[in-house]
Amino acid sequence: MSRIILIRHGSTEANEKWLYCGSTDISLSENGVRLLREKRERGGYPDITGFRIYTSGMKRTEETLLCLFGELEHEKAPELREISFGDYEMQDYYALEKVPGFLDWLNNSTEQAPPHGESGREMEQRVLKAFHALAEEGEDLLLLCHGGTIVNIMSALFPHEQKGRYDWQPGGGEGYELEYENGKALSYRKIPE
């Protein structure tokens, strides 16, 4: 049996301003760094000694790893990055609501991609393929990734819970620890405790 830890990156300026930010490579905000350090000081994160560590390679996941666990040897798995919102990147709902096609995309983002972006289904397939490839190795894993990435993984592993996107999406520096065996997630708990 292996343990797999999924942690969402800390807050960015885009998160704080409610901007569509997926493929834009931005850093944590000052507030995001402060909140991560406070969470680290409170504790509740599992011991990751011996874990194989991955980030999505984006600045916000690299910086989250550093804030929570320090400078550790790790690898990058870019397939675990957030969805690409294409032409809608770094804009908010109110700037986009009058853009032709935006509301159609918003109502069918699972199947429809924004201009120059990817659909929810495309992102889900990319993320799950990468997750299963890593999990099949049977090692203990720490994956520093994104809210949408975690939502897709948890929804696929625990469909019987019938939770929606916002039920699964953790806050910055938060996530889940899974017990995983033979290609199957046996249980999970929220972290930090």
N, C-alpha and C. Protein backbone atom coordinates (compact mmCIF):
# COMPACT_ATOMS: atom_id res chain seq x y z
N MET A 1 0.85 -1.18 0.00
CA MET A 1 0.00 0.00 0.00
C MET A 1 0.89 1.24 0.00
N SER A 2 0.46 2.25 -0.74
CA SER A 2 1.20 3.51 -0.79
C SER A 2 0.32 4.65 -0.29
N ARG A 3 0.98 5.73 0.04
CA ARG A 3 0.29 6.95 0.44
C ARG A 3 0.53 8.00 -0.64
N ILE A 4 -0.53 8.70 -1.01
CA ILE A 4 -0.44 9.76 -2.01
C ILE A 4 -1.04 11.02 -1.40
N ILE A 5 -0.23 12.06 -1.36
CA ILE A 5 -0.67 13.34 -0.81
C ILE A 5 -0.87 14.33 -1.95
N LEU A 6 -2.03 14.94 -2.00
CA LEU A 6 -2.36 15.96 -2.99
C LEU A 6 -2.50 17.29 -2.25
N ILE A 7 -1.70 18.29 -2.61
CA ILE A 7 -1.80 19.59 -1.97
C ILE A 7 -1.94 20.67 -3.03
N ARG A 8 -2.92 21.53 -2.81
CA ARG A 8 -3.14 22.67 -3.71
C ARG A 8 -2.15 23.79 -3.38
N HIS A 9 -1.71 24.49 -4.39
CA HIS A 9 -0.82 25.63 -4.20
C HIS A 9 -1.50 26.71 -3.37
N GLY A 10 -0.70 27.59 -2.81
CA GLY A 10 -1.21 28.72 -2.05
C GLY A 10 -1.84 29.77 -2.95
N SER A 11 -2.37 30.79 -2.31
CA SER A 11 -3.12 31.83 -3.02
C SER A 11 -2.21 32.72 -3.88
N THR A 12 -2.75 33.09 -5.03
CA THR A 12 -2.08 34.02 -5.94
C THR A 12 -2.93 35.29 -6.05
N GLU A 13 -2.38 36.29 -6.66
CA GLU A 13 -3.15 37.51 -6.88
C GLU A 13 -4.37 37.21 -7.76
N ALA A 14 -4.21 36.31 -8.71
CA ALA A 14 -5.34 35.93 -9.58
C ALA A 14 -6.45 35.27 -8.77
N ASN A 15 -6.09 34.39 -7.83
CA ASN A 15 -7.12 33.78 -6.96
C ASN A 15 -7.84 34.85 -6.17
N GLU A 16 -7.08 35.78 -5.63
CA GLU A 16 -7.66 36.81 -4.77
C GLU A 16 -8.56 37.78 -5.53
N LYS A 17 -8.31 37.94 -6.82
CA LYS A 17 -9.12 38.82 -7.65
C LYS A 17 -10.18 38.06 -8.46
N TRP A 18 -10.31 36.76 -8.22
CA TRP A 18 -11.28 35.91 -8.91
C TRP A 18 -11.08 35.93 -10.43
N LEU A 19 -9.82 35.81 -10.87
CA LEU A 19 -9.51 35.78 -12.29
C LEU A 19 -9.41 34.33 -12.76
N TYR A 20 -9.75 34.10 -14.01
CA TYR A 20 -9.53 32.79 -14.61
C TYR A 20 -8.04 32.65 -14.85
N CYS A 21 -7.40 31.81 -14.05
CA CYS A 21 -5.95 31.63 -14.16
C CYS A 21 -5.64 30.15 -14.11
N GLY A 22 -5.24 29.63 -15.24
CA GLY A 22 -4.88 28.22 -15.30
C GLY A 22 -3.46 28.06 -15.81
N SER A 23 -3.24 28.42 -17.06
CA SER A 23 -1.94 28.20 -17.68
C SER A 23 -0.97 29.37 -17.50
N THR A 24 -1.45 30.48 -16.97
CA THR A 24 -0.56 31.62 -16.73
C THR A 24 0.33 31.28 -15.53
N ASP A 25 1.63 31.40 -15.73
CA ASP A 25 2.60 30.98 -14.71
C ASP A 25 2.91 32.14 -13.78
N ILE A 26 2.15 32.26 -12.70
CA ILE A 26 2.33 33.36 -11.76
C ILE A 26 2.75 32.84 -10.39
N SER A 27 3.34 33.74 -9.62
CA SER A 27 3.82 33.42 -8.28
C SER A 27 2.70 33.54 -7.25
N LEU A 28 2.99 33.05 -6.07
CA LEU A 28 2.10 33.24 -4.93
C LEU A 28 2.07 34.73 -4.59
N SER A 29 0.97 35.17 -4.04
CA SER A 29 0.89 36.55 -3.55
C SER A 29 1.58 36.61 -2.18
N GLU A 30 1.83 37.82 -1.71
CA GLU A 30 2.41 37.98 -0.37
C GLU A 30 1.48 37.36 0.66
N ASN A 31 0.19 37.59 0.50
CA ASN A 31 -0.79 37.00 1.40
C ASN A 31 -0.76 35.48 1.32
N GLY A 32 -0.62 34.94 0.12
CA GLY A 32 -0.55 33.49 -0.06
C GLY A 32 0.64 32.88 0.66
N VAL A 33 1.80 33.54 0.57
CA VAL A 33 3.00 33.07 1.27
C VAL A 33 2.78 33.12 2.78
N ARG A 34 2.22 34.23 3.26
CA ARG A 34 1.97 34.39 4.70
C ARG A 34 1.04 33.29 5.22
N LEU A 35 -0.05 33.03 4.49
CA LEU A 35 -1.00 32.01 4.93
C LEU A 35 -0.38 30.61 4.94
N LEU A 36 0.45 30.31 3.95
CA LEU A 36 1.12 29.00 3.92
C LEU A 36 2.06 28.85 5.10
N ARG A 37 2.81 29.89 5.41
CA ARG A 37 3.73 29.82 6.56
C ARG A 37 2.96 29.64 7.86
N GLU A 38 1.81 30.30 7.98
CA GLU A 38 0.98 30.12 9.18
C GLU A 38 0.48 28.69 9.29
N LYS A 39 0.06 28.11 8.17
CA LYS A 39 -0.41 26.72 8.18
C LYS A 39 0.72 25.77 8.55
N ARG A 40 1.90 26.02 8.00
CA ARG A 40 3.06 25.18 8.32
C ARG A 40 3.36 25.24 9.82
N GLU A 41 3.32 26.44 10.39
CA GLU A 41 3.61 26.60 11.81
C GLU A 41 2.58 25.90 12.69
N ARG A 42 1.32 25.88 12.25
CA ARG A 42 0.27 25.19 13.02
C ARG A 42 0.43 23.67 12.94
N GLY A 43 1.09 23.19 11.91
CA GLY A 43 1.31 21.75 11.76
C GLY A 43 0.13 21.05 11.13
N GLY A 44 0.11 19.72 11.25
CA GLY A 44 -0.97 18.93 10.70
C GLY A 44 -0.66 18.31 9.35
N TYR A 45 0.57 18.57 8.84
CA TYR A 45 0.97 17.94 7.58
C TYR A 45 1.66 16.61 7.88
N PRO A 46 1.45 15.61 7.03
CA PRO A 46 2.09 14.31 7.25
C PRO A 46 3.61 14.40 7.09
N ASP A 47 4.30 13.45 7.70
CA ASP A 47 5.74 13.31 7.50
C ASP A 47 5.96 12.78 6.08
N ILE A 48 6.75 13.48 5.31
CA ILE A 48 6.95 13.08 3.90
C ILE A 48 8.32 12.44 3.67
N THR A 49 8.97 12.02 4.73
CA THR A 49 10.26 11.34 4.59
C THR A 49 10.10 10.12 3.69
N GLY A 50 10.93 10.02 2.68
CA GLY A 50 10.89 8.88 1.76
C GLY A 50 9.89 9.03 0.62
N PHE A 51 9.14 10.10 0.59
CA PHE A 51 8.17 10.32 -0.48
C PHE A 51 8.87 10.80 -1.74
N ARG A 52 8.34 10.41 -2.87
CA ARG A 52 8.76 10.97 -4.14
C ARG A 52 7.89 12.21 -4.35
N ILE A 53 8.52 13.33 -4.65
CA ILE A 53 7.82 14.61 -4.67
C ILE A 53 7.76 15.15 -6.10
N TYR A 54 6.57 15.61 -6.46
CA TYR A 54 6.34 16.23 -7.77
C TYR A 54 5.61 17.56 -7.59
N THR A 55 5.94 18.51 -8.44
CA THR A 55 5.13 19.71 -8.61
C THR A 55 4.66 19.71 -10.06
N SER A 56 3.73 20.61 -10.37
CA SER A 56 3.33 20.75 -11.77
C SER A 56 4.40 21.51 -12.55
N GLY A 57 5.37 22.07 -11.84
CA GLY A 57 6.42 22.86 -12.47
C GLY A 57 6.09 24.33 -12.56
N MET A 58 4.86 24.70 -12.24
CA MET A 58 4.47 26.10 -12.28
C MET A 58 4.98 26.81 -11.02
N LYS A 59 5.26 28.10 -11.14
CA LYS A 59 5.84 28.86 -10.03
C LYS A 59 5.05 28.69 -8.74
N ARG A 60 3.74 28.74 -8.83
CA ARG A 60 2.93 28.69 -7.61
C ARG A 60 3.03 27.35 -6.90
N THR A 61 3.28 26.26 -7.63
CA THR A 61 3.45 24.96 -6.96
C THR A 61 4.87 24.83 -6.42
N GLU A 62 5.85 25.34 -7.15
CA GLU A 62 7.24 25.32 -6.67
C GLU A 62 7.36 26.12 -5.37
N GLU A 63 6.74 27.29 -5.34
CA GLU A 63 6.82 28.16 -4.17
C GLU A 63 6.05 27.57 -2.98
N THR A 64 4.96 26.87 -3.25
CA THR A 64 4.20 26.22 -2.18
C THR A 64 5.02 25.12 -1.54
N LEU A 65 5.69 24.32 -2.35
CA LEU A 65 6.58 23.28 -1.81
C LEU A 65 7.62 23.90 -0.88
N LEU A 66 8.24 24.97 -1.33
CA LEU A 66 9.27 25.64 -0.53
C LEU A 66 8.69 26.17 0.79
N CYS A 67 7.53 26.82 0.72
CA CYS A 67 6.91 27.38 1.93
C CYS A 67 6.52 26.31 2.94
N LEU A 68 5.99 25.20 2.48
CA LEU A 68 5.47 24.18 3.40
C LEU A 68 6.51 23.17 3.86
N PHE A 69 7.45 22.81 2.98
CA PHE A 69 8.35 21.71 3.29
C PHE A 69 9.83 22.06 3.16
N GLY A 70 10.14 23.24 2.66
CA GLY A 70 11.53 23.63 2.49
C GLY A 70 12.07 23.22 1.13
N GLU A 71 13.35 23.39 0.98
CA GLU A 71 14.01 23.09 -0.28
C GLU A 71 14.28 21.59 -0.36
N LEU A 72 13.48 20.90 -1.13
CA LEU A 72 13.59 19.45 -1.25
C LEU A 72 13.80 19.06 -2.71
N GLU A 73 14.53 17.97 -2.89
CA GLU A 73 14.69 17.42 -4.23
C GLU A 73 13.32 16.95 -4.72
N HIS A 74 12.99 17.30 -5.94
CA HIS A 74 11.69 16.92 -6.48
C HIS A 74 11.75 16.88 -8.00
N GLU A 75 10.67 16.37 -8.56
CA GLU A 75 10.54 16.28 -10.01
C GLU A 75 9.34 17.11 -10.44
N LYS A 76 9.24 17.32 -11.74
CA LYS A 76 8.12 18.09 -12.28
C LYS A 76 7.26 17.20 -13.17
N ALA A 77 5.97 17.33 -13.00
CA ALA A 77 4.99 16.60 -13.83
C ALA A 77 4.04 17.63 -14.43
N PRO A 78 4.42 18.25 -15.56
CA PRO A 78 3.61 19.32 -16.14
C PRO A 78 2.20 18.90 -16.53
N GLU A 79 1.95 17.61 -16.67
CA GLU A 79 0.61 17.13 -17.00
C GLU A 79 -0.37 17.37 -15.84
N LEU A 80 0.15 17.67 -14.65
CA LEU A 80 -0.70 17.93 -13.48
C LEU A 80 -1.05 19.41 -13.35
N ARG A 81 -0.73 20.21 -14.37
CA ARG A 81 -1.03 21.64 -14.30
C ARG A 81 -2.54 21.88 -14.38
N GLU A 82 -2.91 23.10 -14.09
CA GLU A 82 -4.31 23.52 -14.13
C GLU A 82 -4.80 23.58 -15.58
N ILE A 83 -6.09 23.70 -15.77
CA ILE A 83 -6.69 23.83 -17.10
C ILE A 83 -6.21 25.12 -17.76
N SER A 84 -6.14 25.11 -19.07
CA SER A 84 -5.83 26.33 -19.81
C SER A 84 -7.14 27.00 -20.20
N PHE A 85 -7.31 28.24 -19.73
CA PHE A 85 -8.50 29.01 -20.07
C PHE A 85 -8.33 29.79 -21.38
N GLY A 86 -7.22 29.58 -22.08
CA GLY A 86 -7.00 30.18 -23.38
C GLY A 86 -7.15 31.69 -23.35
N ASP A 87 -8.00 32.21 -24.23
CA ASP A 87 -8.20 33.66 -24.35
C ASP A 87 -8.84 34.28 -23.11
N TYR A 88 -9.37 33.45 -22.21
CA TYR A 88 -10.01 33.98 -21.00
C TYR A 88 -9.05 34.10 -19.82
N GLU A 89 -7.81 33.68 -20.02
CA GLU A 89 -6.82 33.75 -18.94
C GLU A 89 -6.68 35.18 -18.39
N MET A 90 -6.60 35.26 -17.08
CA MET A 90 -6.32 36.48 -16.32
C MET A 90 -7.40 37.55 -16.48
N GLN A 91 -8.62 37.10 -16.77
CA GLN A 91 -9.76 38.01 -16.83
C GLN A 91 -10.83 37.50 -15.86
N ASP A 92 -11.69 38.40 -15.41
CA ASP A 92 -12.76 37.97 -14.51
C ASP A 92 -14.08 37.82 -15.27
N TYR A 93 -15.06 37.29 -14.58
CA TYR A 93 -16.37 37.04 -15.18
C TYR A 93 -16.96 38.31 -15.78
N TYR A 94 -16.84 39.42 -15.05
CA TYR A 94 -17.48 40.66 -15.49
C TYR A 94 -16.83 41.24 -16.73
N ALA A 95 -15.56 41.01 -16.92
CA ALA A 95 -14.89 41.45 -18.14
C ALA A 95 -15.26 40.57 -19.32
N LEU A 96 -15.68 39.34 -19.04
CA LEU A 96 -15.93 38.38 -20.11
C LEU A 96 -17.41 38.15 -20.44
N GLU A 97 -18.32 38.54 -19.54
CA GLU A 97 -19.72 38.15 -19.72
C GLU A 97 -20.35 38.64 -21.02
N LYS A 98 -19.81 39.69 -21.60
CA LYS A 98 -20.36 40.19 -22.88
C LYS A 98 -19.55 39.72 -24.10
N VAL A 99 -18.50 38.96 -23.86
CA VAL A 99 -17.68 38.43 -24.96
C VAL A 99 -18.47 37.31 -25.64
N PRO A 100 -18.66 37.40 -26.97
CA PRO A 100 -19.42 36.35 -27.67
C PRO A 100 -18.84 34.96 -27.39
N GLY A 101 -19.71 34.05 -27.02
CA GLY A 101 -19.32 32.67 -26.78
C GLY A 101 -18.93 32.36 -25.34
N PHE A 102 -18.65 33.37 -24.53
CA PHE A 102 -18.20 33.12 -23.17
C PHE A 102 -19.26 32.39 -22.34
N LEU A 103 -20.48 32.87 -22.36
CA LEU A 103 -21.52 32.24 -21.55
C LEU A 103 -21.85 30.83 -22.04
N ASP A 104 -21.77 30.62 -23.36
CA ASP A 104 -21.95 29.27 -23.89
C ASP A 104 -20.87 28.34 -23.33
N TRP A 105 -19.61 28.81 -23.34
CA TRP A 105 -18.53 28.02 -22.78
C TRP A 105 -18.76 27.76 -21.29
N LEU A 106 -19.13 28.79 -20.56
CA LEU A 106 -19.33 28.67 -19.12
C LEU A 106 -20.39 27.62 -18.80
N ASN A 107 -21.43 27.54 -19.62
CA ASN A 107 -22.50 26.56 -19.40
C ASN A 107 -22.17 25.16 -19.89
N ASN A 108 -21.07 25.01 -20.64
CA ASN A 108 -20.69 23.70 -21.15
C ASN A 108 -19.17 23.54 -21.17
N SER A 109 -18.51 24.00 -20.10
CA SER A 109 -17.04 23.98 -20.09
C SER A 109 -16.46 22.58 -20.00
N THR A 110 -17.28 21.60 -19.64
CA THR A 110 -16.77 20.22 -19.61
C THR A 110 -16.44 19.76 -21.03
N GLU A 111 -17.31 20.05 -21.97
CA GLU A 111 -17.12 19.57 -23.34
C GLU A 111 -16.57 20.63 -24.29
N GLN A 112 -16.76 21.88 -23.98
CA GLN A 112 -16.36 22.96 -24.89
C GLN A 112 -15.11 23.66 -24.35
N ALA A 113 -14.16 23.89 -25.22
CA ALA A 113 -12.94 24.61 -24.84
C ALA A 113 -13.11 26.10 -25.13
N PRO A 114 -12.52 26.95 -24.29
CA PRO A 114 -12.51 28.37 -24.64
C PRO A 114 -11.56 28.56 -25.83
N PRO A 115 -11.64 29.68 -26.53
CA PRO A 115 -10.71 29.90 -27.65
C PRO A 115 -9.26 29.76 -27.18
N HIS A 116 -8.52 28.89 -27.86
CA HIS A 116 -7.10 28.64 -27.59
C HIS A 116 -6.84 28.01 -26.23
N GLY A 117 -7.87 27.37 -25.66
CA GLY A 117 -7.74 26.71 -24.36
C GLY A 117 -8.10 25.24 -24.48
N GLU A 118 -8.41 24.64 -23.34
CA GLU A 118 -8.80 23.23 -23.35
C GLU A 118 -10.12 23.05 -22.60
N SER A 119 -10.84 22.03 -22.98
CA SER A 119 -12.11 21.73 -22.32
C SER A 119 -11.84 21.04 -20.99
N GLY A 120 -12.85 21.02 -20.14
CA GLY A 120 -12.74 20.29 -18.89
C GLY A 120 -12.44 18.82 -19.11
N ARG A 121 -13.04 18.23 -20.11
CA ARG A 121 -12.81 16.81 -20.41
C ARG A 121 -11.36 16.58 -20.83
N GLU A 122 -10.81 17.46 -21.68
CA GLU A 122 -9.41 17.32 -22.10
C GLU A 122 -8.47 17.41 -20.90
N MET A 123 -8.75 18.36 -20.02
CA MET A 123 -7.92 18.51 -18.82
C MET A 123 -8.04 17.27 -17.93
N GLU A 124 -9.25 16.80 -17.73
CA GLU A 124 -9.49 15.62 -16.90
C GLU A 124 -8.70 14.41 -17.43
N GLN A 125 -8.75 14.18 -18.73
CA GLN A 125 -8.04 13.04 -19.32
C GLN A 125 -6.53 13.18 -19.14
N ARG A 126 -6.02 14.38 -19.35
CA ARG A 126 -4.58 14.64 -19.18
C ARG A 126 -4.14 14.37 -17.74
N VAL A 127 -4.89 14.93 -16.79
CA VAL A 127 -4.55 14.80 -15.37
C VAL A 127 -4.64 13.35 -14.90
N LEU A 128 -5.72 12.67 -15.24
CA LEU A 128 -5.90 11.30 -14.76
C LEU A 128 -4.87 10.35 -15.36
N LYS A 129 -4.52 10.55 -16.61
CA LYS A 129 -3.48 9.72 -17.23
C LYS A 129 -2.16 9.90 -16.47
N ALA A 130 -1.80 11.14 -16.17
CA ALA A 130 -0.55 11.41 -15.45
C ALA A 130 -0.61 10.86 -14.03
N PHE A 131 -1.74 11.08 -13.35
CA PHE A 131 -1.88 10.60 -11.97
C PHE A 131 -1.73 9.09 -11.91
N HIS A 132 -2.45 8.37 -12.77
CA HIS A 132 -2.40 6.91 -12.73
C HIS A 132 -1.01 6.38 -13.08
N ALA A 133 -0.32 7.03 -13.99
CA ALA A 133 1.05 6.62 -14.33
C ALA A 133 1.97 6.75 -13.12
N LEU A 134 1.83 7.84 -12.36
CA LEU A 134 2.64 8.02 -11.16
C LEU A 134 2.23 7.04 -10.06
N ALA A 135 0.93 6.90 -9.85
CA ALA A 135 0.43 6.05 -8.76
C ALA A 135 0.75 4.58 -8.98
N GLU A 136 0.80 4.13 -10.23
CA GLU A 136 1.06 2.73 -10.54
C GLU A 136 2.44 2.28 -10.10
N GLU A 137 3.34 3.23 -9.88
CA GLU A 137 4.69 2.87 -9.46
C GLU A 137 4.71 2.36 -8.02
N GLY A 138 3.64 2.60 -7.27
CA GLY A 138 3.53 2.06 -5.93
C GLY A 138 4.34 2.78 -4.87
N GLU A 139 4.87 3.94 -5.19
CA GLU A 139 5.66 4.70 -4.22
C GLU A 139 4.77 5.67 -3.46
N ASP A 140 5.25 6.10 -2.30
CA ASP A 140 4.59 7.18 -1.60
C ASP A 140 4.87 8.46 -2.37
N LEU A 141 3.82 9.25 -2.63
CA LEU A 141 3.95 10.43 -3.48
C LEU A 141 3.40 11.67 -2.79
N LEU A 142 4.07 12.78 -3.00
CA LEU A 142 3.55 14.10 -2.65
C LEU A 142 3.42 14.87 -3.95
N LEU A 143 2.20 15.29 -4.28
CA LEU A 143 1.93 16.01 -5.52
C LEU A 143 1.45 17.42 -5.17
N LEU A 144 2.27 18.42 -5.48
CA LEU A 144 1.91 19.82 -5.29
C LEU A 144 1.32 20.28 -6.61
N CYS A 145 0.01 20.56 -6.61
CA CYS A 145 -0.64 20.84 -7.88
C CYS A 145 -1.70 21.91 -7.72
N HIS A 146 -2.84 21.76 -8.36
CA HIS A 146 -3.83 22.83 -8.51
C HIS A 146 -5.21 22.34 -8.10
N GLY A 147 -6.09 23.31 -7.82
CA GLY A 147 -7.44 22.97 -7.40
C GLY A 147 -8.18 22.10 -8.39
N GLY A 148 -8.15 22.48 -9.66
CA GLY A 148 -8.84 21.69 -10.69
C GLY A 148 -8.25 20.30 -10.85
N THR A 149 -6.95 20.20 -10.68
CA THR A 149 -6.27 18.90 -10.76
C THR A 149 -6.77 17.99 -9.65
N ILE A 150 -6.81 18.52 -8.44
CA ILE A 150 -7.25 17.73 -7.29
C ILE A 150 -8.72 17.34 -7.42
N VAL A 151 -9.55 18.26 -7.87
CA VAL A 151 -10.97 17.97 -8.07
C VAL A 151 -11.15 16.79 -9.03
N ASN A 152 -10.43 16.81 -10.14
CA ASN A 152 -10.55 15.73 -11.12
C ASN A 152 -10.09 14.40 -10.54
N ILE A 153 -8.99 14.40 -9.81
CA ILE A 153 -8.48 13.15 -9.23
C ILE A 153 -9.46 12.60 -8.20
N MET A 154 -9.89 13.45 -7.27
CA MET A 154 -10.77 12.98 -6.20
C MET A 154 -12.13 12.53 -6.75
N SER A 155 -12.66 13.25 -7.73
CA SER A 155 -13.94 12.87 -8.34
C SER A 155 -13.85 11.51 -9.01
N ALA A 156 -12.71 11.25 -9.66
CA ALA A 156 -12.53 9.97 -10.35
C ALA A 156 -12.31 8.82 -9.36
N LEU A 157 -11.59 9.08 -8.27
CA LEU A 157 -11.28 8.02 -7.32
C LEU A 157 -12.44 7.69 -6.37
N PHE A 158 -13.29 8.69 -6.12
CA PHE A 158 -14.38 8.48 -5.16
C PHE A 158 -15.73 8.91 -5.75
N PRO A 159 -16.11 8.32 -6.91
CA PRO A 159 -17.35 8.75 -7.57
C PRO A 159 -18.60 8.45 -6.75
N HIS A 160 -18.55 7.43 -5.92
CA HIS A 160 -19.71 7.05 -5.12
C HIS A 160 -20.11 8.13 -4.11
N GLU A 161 -19.19 9.05 -3.80
CA GLU A 161 -19.53 10.13 -2.87
C GLU A 161 -20.36 11.22 -3.54
N GLN A 162 -20.39 11.24 -4.85
CA GLN A 162 -21.21 12.18 -5.63
C GLN A 162 -21.04 13.63 -5.16
N LYS A 163 -19.80 14.00 -4.92
CA LYS A 163 -19.51 15.38 -4.52
C LYS A 163 -19.29 16.23 -5.76
N GLY A 164 -19.68 17.47 -5.66
CA GLY A 164 -19.46 18.42 -6.75
C GLY A 164 -18.07 19.02 -6.67
N ARG A 165 -17.75 19.80 -7.68
CA ARG A 165 -16.44 20.44 -7.80
C ARG A 165 -16.05 21.19 -6.54
N TYR A 166 -16.95 22.00 -6.02
CA TYR A 166 -16.60 22.84 -4.89
C TYR A 166 -16.56 22.06 -3.58
N ASP A 167 -17.14 20.88 -3.56
CA ASP A 167 -17.02 20.02 -2.39
C ASP A 167 -15.61 19.44 -2.28
N TRP A 168 -15.00 19.14 -3.42
CA TRP A 168 -13.67 18.53 -3.43
C TRP A 168 -12.55 19.57 -3.40
N GLN A 169 -12.80 20.77 -3.87
CA GLN A 169 -11.70 21.73 -4.04
C GLN A 169 -11.18 22.22 -2.68
N PRO A 170 -9.90 21.95 -2.39
CA PRO A 170 -9.32 22.40 -1.14
C PRO A 170 -8.86 23.85 -1.21
N GLY A 171 -8.64 24.44 -0.07
CA GLY A 171 -8.07 25.79 -0.01
C GLY A 171 -6.57 25.74 -0.29
N GLY A 172 -5.95 26.89 -0.33
CA GLY A 172 -4.51 26.97 -0.57
C GLY A 172 -3.72 26.25 0.52
N GLY A 173 -2.77 25.42 0.11
CA GLY A 173 -1.95 24.68 1.06
C GLY A 173 -2.68 23.53 1.72
N GLU A 174 -3.85 23.19 1.21
CA GLU A 174 -4.65 22.10 1.77
C GLU A 174 -4.85 21.01 0.73
N GLY A 175 -5.33 19.87 1.17
CA GLY A 175 -5.57 18.79 0.22
C GLY A 175 -6.00 17.52 0.91
N TYR A 176 -5.49 16.40 0.38
CA TYR A 176 -5.91 15.08 0.83
C TYR A 176 -4.72 14.14 0.89
N GLU A 177 -4.80 13.22 1.84
CA GLU A 177 -3.86 12.10 1.89
C GLU A 177 -4.65 10.84 1.60
N LEU A 178 -4.20 10.10 0.59
CA LEU A 178 -4.90 8.89 0.15
C LEU A 178 -4.12 7.64 0.53
N GLU A 179 -4.84 6.58 0.85
CA GLU A 179 -4.24 5.26 0.90
C GLU A 179 -4.59 4.60 -0.42
N TYR A 180 -3.57 4.09 -1.11
CA TYR A 180 -3.73 3.65 -2.49
C TYR A 180 -3.08 2.28 -2.66
N GLU A 181 -3.81 1.36 -3.31
CA GLU A 181 -3.26 0.02 -3.50
C GLU A 181 -3.85 -0.60 -4.76
N ASN A 182 -2.99 -1.23 -5.55
CA ASN A 182 -3.43 -1.95 -6.76
C ASN A 182 -4.34 -1.13 -7.65
N GLY A 183 -3.96 0.13 -7.90
CA GLY A 183 -4.73 0.98 -8.80
C GLY A 183 -6.02 1.50 -8.22
N LYS A 184 -6.17 1.42 -6.91
CA LYS A 184 -7.43 1.82 -6.29
C LYS A 184 -7.16 2.63 -5.02
N ALA A 185 -7.91 3.71 -4.87
CA ALA A 185 -7.85 4.51 -3.65
C ALA A 185 -8.75 3.86 -2.62
N LEU A 186 -8.20 3.54 -1.46
CA LEU A 186 -8.96 2.86 -0.42
C LEU A 186 -9.66 3.84 0.52
N SER A 187 -8.97 4.94 0.81
CA SER A 187 -9.53 5.92 1.74
C SER A 187 -8.79 7.24 1.57
N TYR A 188 -9.32 8.27 2.21
CA TYR A 188 -8.65 9.57 2.19
C TYR A 188 -8.96 10.32 3.48
N ARG A 189 -8.12 11.29 3.75
CA ARG A 189 -8.38 12.23 4.85
C ARG A 189 -7.92 13.59 4.41
N LYS A 190 -8.56 14.63 4.93
CA LYS A 190 -8.18 15.98 4.59
C LYS A 190 -6.91 16.37 5.35
N ILE A 191 -6.08 17.17 4.70
CA ILE A 191 -4.89 17.70 5.37
C ILE A 191 -4.78 19.20 5.06
N PRO A 192 -4.15 19.99 5.93
CA PRO A 192 -3.60 19.56 7.22
C PRO A 192 -4.73 19.27 8.20
N GLU A 193 -4.39 18.49 9.21
CA GLU A 193 -5.38 18.14 10.24
C GLU A 193 -5.56 19.30 11.19
